[in-house]
Amino acid sequence: MEEEEMSEYPEHKLQDDWEYKILRANRSVFRHPNIFLSVCAEEKRAGWMLIEKFDDMRLRFKRPTSARQNDRMLPFDPYRTRYGMAPGPLAAMILLTVFGSIAFVVALIILLAHH
């Protein structure tokens, strides 16, 4: 993945007691400070610490492997890698909106043409 090429980890860092993840969003939601801070606070509950913000759609976190002990008590998946709507439902929503708008315009044109 592009993120792996952007910042590779030396082998000794991967063998330490740390684990890493990248949290991705379908849209540029991390540009909004309230969402960015809320996501970081939620990830912190699972022991994740922000390492870097690649852009407004991708964040990299790390946490000590010992933080796994508390995973059962969390109300969310600490290993989630997606934030927001999944790609499939998002695409369906966009397509429905586009085709619905086209249908509305066509119906309006037909209605106005008969008057």
N, C-alpha and C. Protein backbone atom coordinates (compact mmCIF):
# COMPACT_ATOMS: atom_id res chain seq x y z
N MET A 1 0.84 -1.18 0.00
CA MET A 1 0.00 0.00 0.00
C MET A 1 0.88 1.25 0.00
N GLU A 2 0.29 2.33 -0.41
CA GLU A 2 1.02 3.59 -0.48
C GLU A 2 1.57 4.00 0.88
N GLU A 3 0.79 3.78 1.95
CA GLU A 3 1.24 4.18 3.28
C GLU A 3 2.52 3.46 3.69
N GLU A 4 2.63 2.19 3.30
CA GLU A 4 3.82 1.43 3.65
C GLU A 4 5.05 1.99 2.96
N GLU A 5 4.87 2.51 1.75
CA GLU A 5 6.00 3.11 1.05
C GLU A 5 6.35 4.47 1.61
N MET A 6 5.35 5.17 2.19
CA MET A 6 5.57 6.52 2.71
C MET A 6 6.44 6.51 3.95
N SER A 7 6.31 5.48 4.76
CA SER A 7 7.11 5.42 5.98
C SER A 7 7.27 3.96 6.39
N GLU A 8 8.37 3.39 6.04
CA GLU A 8 8.65 2.01 6.40
C GLU A 8 9.18 1.94 7.83
N TYR A 9 8.89 0.83 8.49
CA TYR A 9 9.38 0.62 9.84
C TYR A 9 10.60 -0.28 9.81
N PRO A 10 11.64 0.11 10.55
CA PRO A 10 12.79 -0.80 10.66
C PRO A 10 12.37 -2.10 11.34
N GLU A 11 13.04 -3.17 11.01
CA GLU A 11 12.68 -4.50 11.54
C GLU A 11 12.64 -4.51 13.07
N HIS A 12 13.58 -3.81 13.73
CA HIS A 12 13.60 -3.84 15.19
C HIS A 12 12.35 -3.18 15.78
N LYS A 13 11.76 -2.20 15.10
CA LYS A 13 10.52 -1.58 15.61
C LYS A 13 9.34 -2.55 15.50
N LEU A 14 9.34 -3.36 14.46
CA LEU A 14 8.26 -4.32 14.28
C LEU A 14 8.35 -5.47 15.27
N GLN A 15 9.53 -5.73 15.82
CA GLN A 15 9.69 -6.82 16.77
C GLN A 15 9.48 -6.37 18.21
N ASP A 16 9.39 -5.06 18.43
CA ASP A 16 9.10 -4.56 19.77
C ASP A 16 7.65 -4.91 20.12
N ASP A 17 7.25 -4.56 21.32
CA ASP A 17 5.89 -4.87 21.76
C ASP A 17 4.90 -3.80 21.34
N TRP A 18 4.91 -3.46 20.06
CA TRP A 18 3.99 -2.47 19.51
C TRP A 18 3.25 -3.08 18.33
N GLU A 19 2.03 -2.64 18.14
CA GLU A 19 1.30 -2.98 16.93
C GLU A 19 0.82 -1.68 16.28
N TYR A 20 0.60 -1.74 14.99
CA TYR A 20 0.30 -0.54 14.21
C TYR A 20 -0.96 -0.76 13.38
N LYS A 21 -1.64 0.34 13.09
CA LYS A 21 -2.78 0.27 12.18
C LYS A 21 -2.96 1.62 11.50
N ILE A 22 -3.66 1.57 10.37
CA ILE A 22 -4.02 2.78 9.65
C ILE A 22 -5.54 2.83 9.60
N LEU A 23 -6.09 3.94 10.01
CA LEU A 23 -7.53 4.16 9.98
C LEU A 23 -7.85 5.02 8.76
N ARG A 24 -8.73 4.50 7.90
CA ARG A 24 -9.07 5.18 6.64
C ARG A 24 -10.54 5.61 6.64
N ALA A 25 -10.78 6.74 6.02
CA ALA A 25 -12.15 7.23 5.81
C ALA A 25 -12.39 7.34 4.31
N ASN A 26 -13.65 7.24 3.89
CA ASN A 26 -13.99 7.35 2.47
C ASN A 26 -13.98 8.79 1.98
N ARG A 27 -14.12 9.72 2.91
CA ARG A 27 -14.12 11.14 2.57
C ARG A 27 -13.11 11.85 3.45
N SER A 28 -12.86 13.10 3.19
CA SER A 28 -11.85 13.88 3.94
C SER A 28 -12.42 14.38 5.27
N VAL A 29 -12.88 13.47 6.10
CA VAL A 29 -13.52 13.86 7.36
C VAL A 29 -12.52 14.27 8.44
N PHE A 30 -11.28 13.81 8.34
CA PHE A 30 -10.31 14.12 9.40
C PHE A 30 -9.81 15.56 9.31
N ARG A 31 -10.25 16.31 8.31
CA ARG A 31 -9.88 17.73 8.23
C ARG A 31 -10.69 18.55 9.23
N HIS A 32 -11.83 18.00 9.67
CA HIS A 32 -12.67 18.68 10.64
C HIS A 32 -12.12 18.42 12.05
N PRO A 33 -11.69 19.46 12.75
CA PRO A 33 -11.06 19.26 14.07
C PRO A 33 -11.93 18.47 15.06
N ASN A 34 -13.23 18.71 15.06
CA ASN A 34 -14.08 17.99 16.03
C ASN A 34 -14.11 16.49 15.74
N ILE A 35 -14.16 16.10 14.46
CA ILE A 35 -14.14 14.68 14.11
C ILE A 35 -12.77 14.08 14.38
N PHE A 36 -11.72 14.79 13.98
CA PHE A 36 -10.35 14.32 14.19
C PHE A 36 -10.09 14.07 15.68
N LEU A 37 -10.44 15.03 16.53
CA LEU A 37 -10.21 14.88 17.96
C LEU A 37 -11.07 13.77 18.56
N SER A 38 -12.31 13.64 18.08
CA SER A 38 -13.20 12.59 18.57
C SER A 38 -12.65 11.20 18.22
N VAL A 39 -12.17 11.04 17.00
CA VAL A 39 -11.61 9.75 16.56
C VAL A 39 -10.37 9.42 17.38
N CYS A 40 -9.49 10.39 17.55
CA CYS A 40 -8.26 10.15 18.33
C CYS A 40 -8.59 9.79 19.78
N ALA A 41 -9.60 10.45 20.36
CA ALA A 41 -10.00 10.14 21.74
C ALA A 41 -10.56 8.72 21.84
N GLU A 42 -11.35 8.33 20.85
CA GLU A 42 -11.92 6.98 20.88
C GLU A 42 -10.82 5.93 20.71
N GLU A 43 -9.91 6.16 19.79
CA GLU A 43 -8.80 5.22 19.59
C GLU A 43 -7.93 5.14 20.85
N LYS A 44 -7.78 6.25 21.53
CA LYS A 44 -6.97 6.28 22.77
C LYS A 44 -7.58 5.37 23.84
N ARG A 45 -8.90 5.25 23.85
CA ARG A 45 -9.56 4.35 24.81
C ARG A 45 -9.09 2.92 24.62
N ALA A 46 -8.70 2.58 23.38
CA ALA A 46 -8.21 1.22 23.09
C ALA A 46 -6.69 1.15 23.19
N GLY A 47 -6.05 2.25 23.61
CA GLY A 47 -4.60 2.26 23.79
C GLY A 47 -3.83 2.74 22.57
N TRP A 48 -4.55 3.12 21.50
CA TRP A 48 -3.89 3.57 20.28
C TRP A 48 -3.42 5.02 20.42
N MET A 49 -2.22 5.28 19.94
CA MET A 49 -1.64 6.63 19.95
C MET A 49 -1.40 7.07 18.51
N LEU A 50 -1.79 8.28 18.21
CA LEU A 50 -1.60 8.80 16.86
C LEU A 50 -0.11 8.98 16.58
N ILE A 51 0.35 8.42 15.48
CA ILE A 51 1.74 8.60 15.06
C ILE A 51 1.81 9.71 14.03
N GLU A 52 0.91 9.63 13.02
CA GLU A 52 0.92 10.64 11.99
C GLU A 52 -0.41 10.69 11.27
N LYS A 53 -0.66 11.86 10.73
CA LYS A 53 -1.82 12.08 9.89
C LYS A 53 -1.29 12.18 8.47
N PHE A 54 -1.59 11.16 7.64
CA PHE A 54 -1.11 11.18 6.26
C PHE A 54 -1.79 12.29 5.49
N ASP A 55 -3.10 12.36 5.63
CA ASP A 55 -3.91 13.37 4.96
C ASP A 55 -5.26 13.38 5.66
N ASP A 56 -6.26 14.01 5.06
CA ASP A 56 -7.56 14.13 5.71
C ASP A 56 -8.40 12.87 5.65
N MET A 57 -7.81 11.78 5.09
CA MET A 57 -8.53 10.52 4.99
C MET A 57 -7.81 9.35 5.67
N ARG A 58 -6.55 9.55 6.13
CA ARG A 58 -5.78 8.43 6.68
C ARG A 58 -4.98 8.86 7.91
N LEU A 59 -5.10 8.05 8.96
CA LEU A 59 -4.36 8.28 10.20
C LEU A 59 -3.62 7.00 10.57
N ARG A 60 -2.40 7.14 11.08
CA ARG A 60 -1.63 5.97 11.53
C ARG A 60 -1.53 6.00 13.05
N PHE A 61 -1.81 4.83 13.66
CA PHE A 61 -1.75 4.69 15.12
C PHE A 61 -0.82 3.55 15.50
N LYS A 62 -0.36 3.59 16.74
CA LYS A 62 0.37 2.46 17.32
C LYS A 62 -0.12 2.29 18.75
N ARG A 63 0.07 1.09 19.28
CA ARG A 63 -0.25 0.83 20.68
C ARG A 63 0.60 -0.33 21.17
N PRO A 64 0.84 -0.38 22.48
CA PRO A 64 1.57 -1.53 23.02
C PRO A 64 0.68 -2.77 22.94
N THR A 65 1.28 -3.90 22.70
CA THR A 65 0.49 -5.13 22.59
C THR A 65 -0.23 -5.46 23.90
N SER A 66 0.27 -4.94 25.00
CA SER A 66 -0.38 -5.18 26.29
C SER A 66 -1.77 -4.57 26.36
N ALA A 67 -2.06 -3.60 25.51
CA ALA A 67 -3.38 -2.95 25.50
C ALA A 67 -4.48 -3.92 25.05
N ARG A 68 -4.11 -5.03 24.45
CA ARG A 68 -5.10 -6.02 24.00
C ARG A 68 -5.93 -6.56 25.16
N GLN A 69 -5.37 -6.52 26.36
CA GLN A 69 -6.06 -7.07 27.53
C GLN A 69 -7.42 -6.41 27.76
N ASN A 70 -7.57 -5.15 27.37
CA ASN A 70 -8.81 -4.41 27.62
C ASN A 70 -9.77 -4.43 26.44
N ASP A 71 -9.42 -5.10 25.36
CA ASP A 71 -10.23 -5.08 24.14
C ASP A 71 -11.66 -5.57 24.36
N ARG A 72 -11.85 -6.56 25.21
CA ARG A 72 -13.19 -7.12 25.44
C ARG A 72 -14.15 -6.10 26.04
N MET A 73 -13.63 -5.14 26.76
CA MET A 73 -14.48 -4.16 27.45
C MET A 73 -14.85 -2.97 26.57
N LEU A 74 -14.32 -2.91 25.37
CA LEU A 74 -14.58 -1.76 24.50
C LEU A 74 -15.89 -1.93 23.74
N PRO A 75 -16.62 -0.84 23.52
CA PRO A 75 -17.88 -0.93 22.76
C PRO A 75 -17.67 -0.85 21.24
N PHE A 76 -16.43 -0.92 20.80
CA PHE A 76 -16.12 -0.86 19.37
C PHE A 76 -14.95 -1.78 19.08
N ASP A 77 -14.72 -2.07 17.81
CA ASP A 77 -13.63 -2.94 17.39
C ASP A 77 -12.32 -2.15 17.43
N PRO A 78 -11.39 -2.50 18.33
CA PRO A 78 -10.14 -1.76 18.41
C PRO A 78 -9.24 -1.95 17.19
N TYR A 79 -9.56 -2.92 16.36
CA TYR A 79 -8.76 -3.16 15.15
C TYR A 79 -9.43 -2.64 13.88
N ARG A 80 -10.45 -1.82 14.07
CA ARG A 80 -11.11 -1.26 12.88
C ARG A 80 -10.09 -0.48 12.05
N THR A 81 -10.26 -0.55 10.77
CA THR A 81 -9.37 0.19 9.88
C THR A 81 -10.16 1.14 8.99
N ARG A 82 -11.46 1.18 9.18
CA ARG A 82 -12.34 2.09 8.42
C ARG A 82 -13.11 2.96 9.39
N TYR A 83 -13.25 4.21 9.03
CA TYR A 83 -14.07 5.14 9.80
C TYR A 83 -15.17 5.65 8.89
N GLY A 84 -16.40 5.62 9.38
CA GLY A 84 -17.52 6.09 8.58
C GLY A 84 -18.17 4.94 7.82
N MET A 85 -18.92 5.32 6.82
CA MET A 85 -19.67 4.35 6.04
C MET A 85 -18.74 3.46 5.23
N ALA A 86 -19.08 2.18 5.14
CA ALA A 86 -18.30 1.24 4.34
C ALA A 86 -18.41 1.63 2.86
N PRO A 87 -17.41 1.28 2.06
CA PRO A 87 -17.40 1.69 0.65
C PRO A 87 -18.63 1.25 -0.16
N GLY A 88 -19.12 0.04 0.06
CA GLY A 88 -20.27 -0.47 -0.70
C GLY A 88 -21.54 0.36 -0.48
N PRO A 89 -21.98 0.51 0.78
CA PRO A 89 -23.16 1.32 1.03
C PRO A 89 -22.99 2.78 0.60
N LEU A 90 -21.78 3.31 0.73
CA LEU A 90 -21.54 4.69 0.29
C LEU A 90 -21.73 4.81 -1.21
N ALA A 91 -21.20 3.86 -1.97
CA ALA A 91 -21.37 3.87 -3.42
C ALA A 91 -22.85 3.73 -3.79
N ALA A 92 -23.57 2.86 -3.10
CA ALA A 92 -25.00 2.68 -3.36
C ALA A 92 -25.77 3.97 -3.08
N MET A 93 -25.43 4.65 -1.99
CA MET A 93 -26.10 5.89 -1.65
C MET A 93 -25.83 6.97 -2.71
N ILE A 94 -24.60 7.05 -3.18
CA ILE A 94 -24.25 8.03 -4.22
C ILE A 94 -25.02 7.73 -5.50
N LEU A 95 -25.04 6.45 -5.91
CA LEU A 95 -25.75 6.08 -7.14
C LEU A 95 -27.24 6.36 -7.03
N LEU A 96 -27.83 6.04 -5.89
CA LEU A 96 -29.25 6.31 -5.70
C LEU A 96 -29.54 7.81 -5.76
N THR A 97 -28.67 8.60 -5.18
CA THR A 97 -28.85 10.05 -5.21
C THR A 97 -28.75 10.58 -6.64
N VAL A 98 -27.74 10.13 -7.37
CA VAL A 98 -27.55 10.59 -8.75
C VAL A 98 -28.74 10.18 -9.62
N PHE A 99 -29.11 8.90 -9.60
CA PHE A 99 -30.21 8.44 -10.44
C PHE A 99 -31.55 9.00 -9.98
N GLY A 100 -31.71 9.19 -8.69
CA GLY A 100 -32.93 9.81 -8.18
C GLY A 100 -33.06 11.24 -8.65
N SER A 101 -31.94 11.96 -8.65
CA SER A 101 -31.95 13.35 -9.12
C SER A 101 -32.26 13.41 -10.61
N ILE A 102 -31.68 12.52 -11.38
CA ILE A 102 -31.93 12.47 -12.83
C ILE A 102 -33.41 12.16 -13.08
N ALA A 103 -33.96 11.20 -12.35
CA ALA A 103 -35.37 10.83 -12.51
C ALA A 103 -36.28 12.01 -12.16
N PHE A 104 -35.93 12.74 -11.13
CA PHE A 104 -36.71 13.91 -10.72
C PHE A 104 -36.70 14.97 -11.82
N VAL A 105 -35.54 15.25 -12.38
CA VAL A 105 -35.42 16.26 -13.44
C VAL A 105 -36.20 15.82 -14.67
N VAL A 106 -36.08 14.56 -15.07
CA VAL A 106 -36.82 14.05 -16.23
C VAL A 106 -38.33 14.15 -15.99
N ALA A 107 -38.77 13.76 -14.81
CA ALA A 107 -40.20 13.83 -14.49
C ALA A 107 -40.68 15.28 -14.51
N LEU A 108 -39.89 16.18 -14.02
CA LEU A 108 -40.23 17.61 -14.01
C LEU A 108 -40.34 18.14 -15.44
N ILE A 109 -39.39 17.76 -16.29
CA ILE A 109 -39.41 18.18 -17.69
C ILE A 109 -40.67 17.66 -18.38
N ILE A 110 -41.00 16.39 -18.17
CA ILE A 110 -42.20 15.79 -18.77
C ILE A 110 -43.45 16.50 -18.27
N LEU A 111 -43.50 16.76 -16.98
CA LEU A 111 -44.66 17.43 -16.40
C LEU A 111 -44.82 18.83 -16.97
N LEU A 112 -43.74 19.57 -17.08
CA LEU A 112 -43.80 20.94 -17.60
C LEU A 112 -44.09 20.96 -19.10
N ALA A 113 -43.65 19.93 -19.83
CA ALA A 113 -43.90 19.87 -21.26
C ALA A 113 -45.37 19.64 -21.57
N HIS A 114 -46.12 19.04 -20.66
CA HIS A 114 -47.54 18.77 -20.89
C HIS A 114 -48.43 19.94 -20.49
N HIS A 115 -47.87 20.98 -20.01
CA HIS A 115 -48.69 22.15 -19.62
C HIS A 115 -48.62 23.21 -20.63
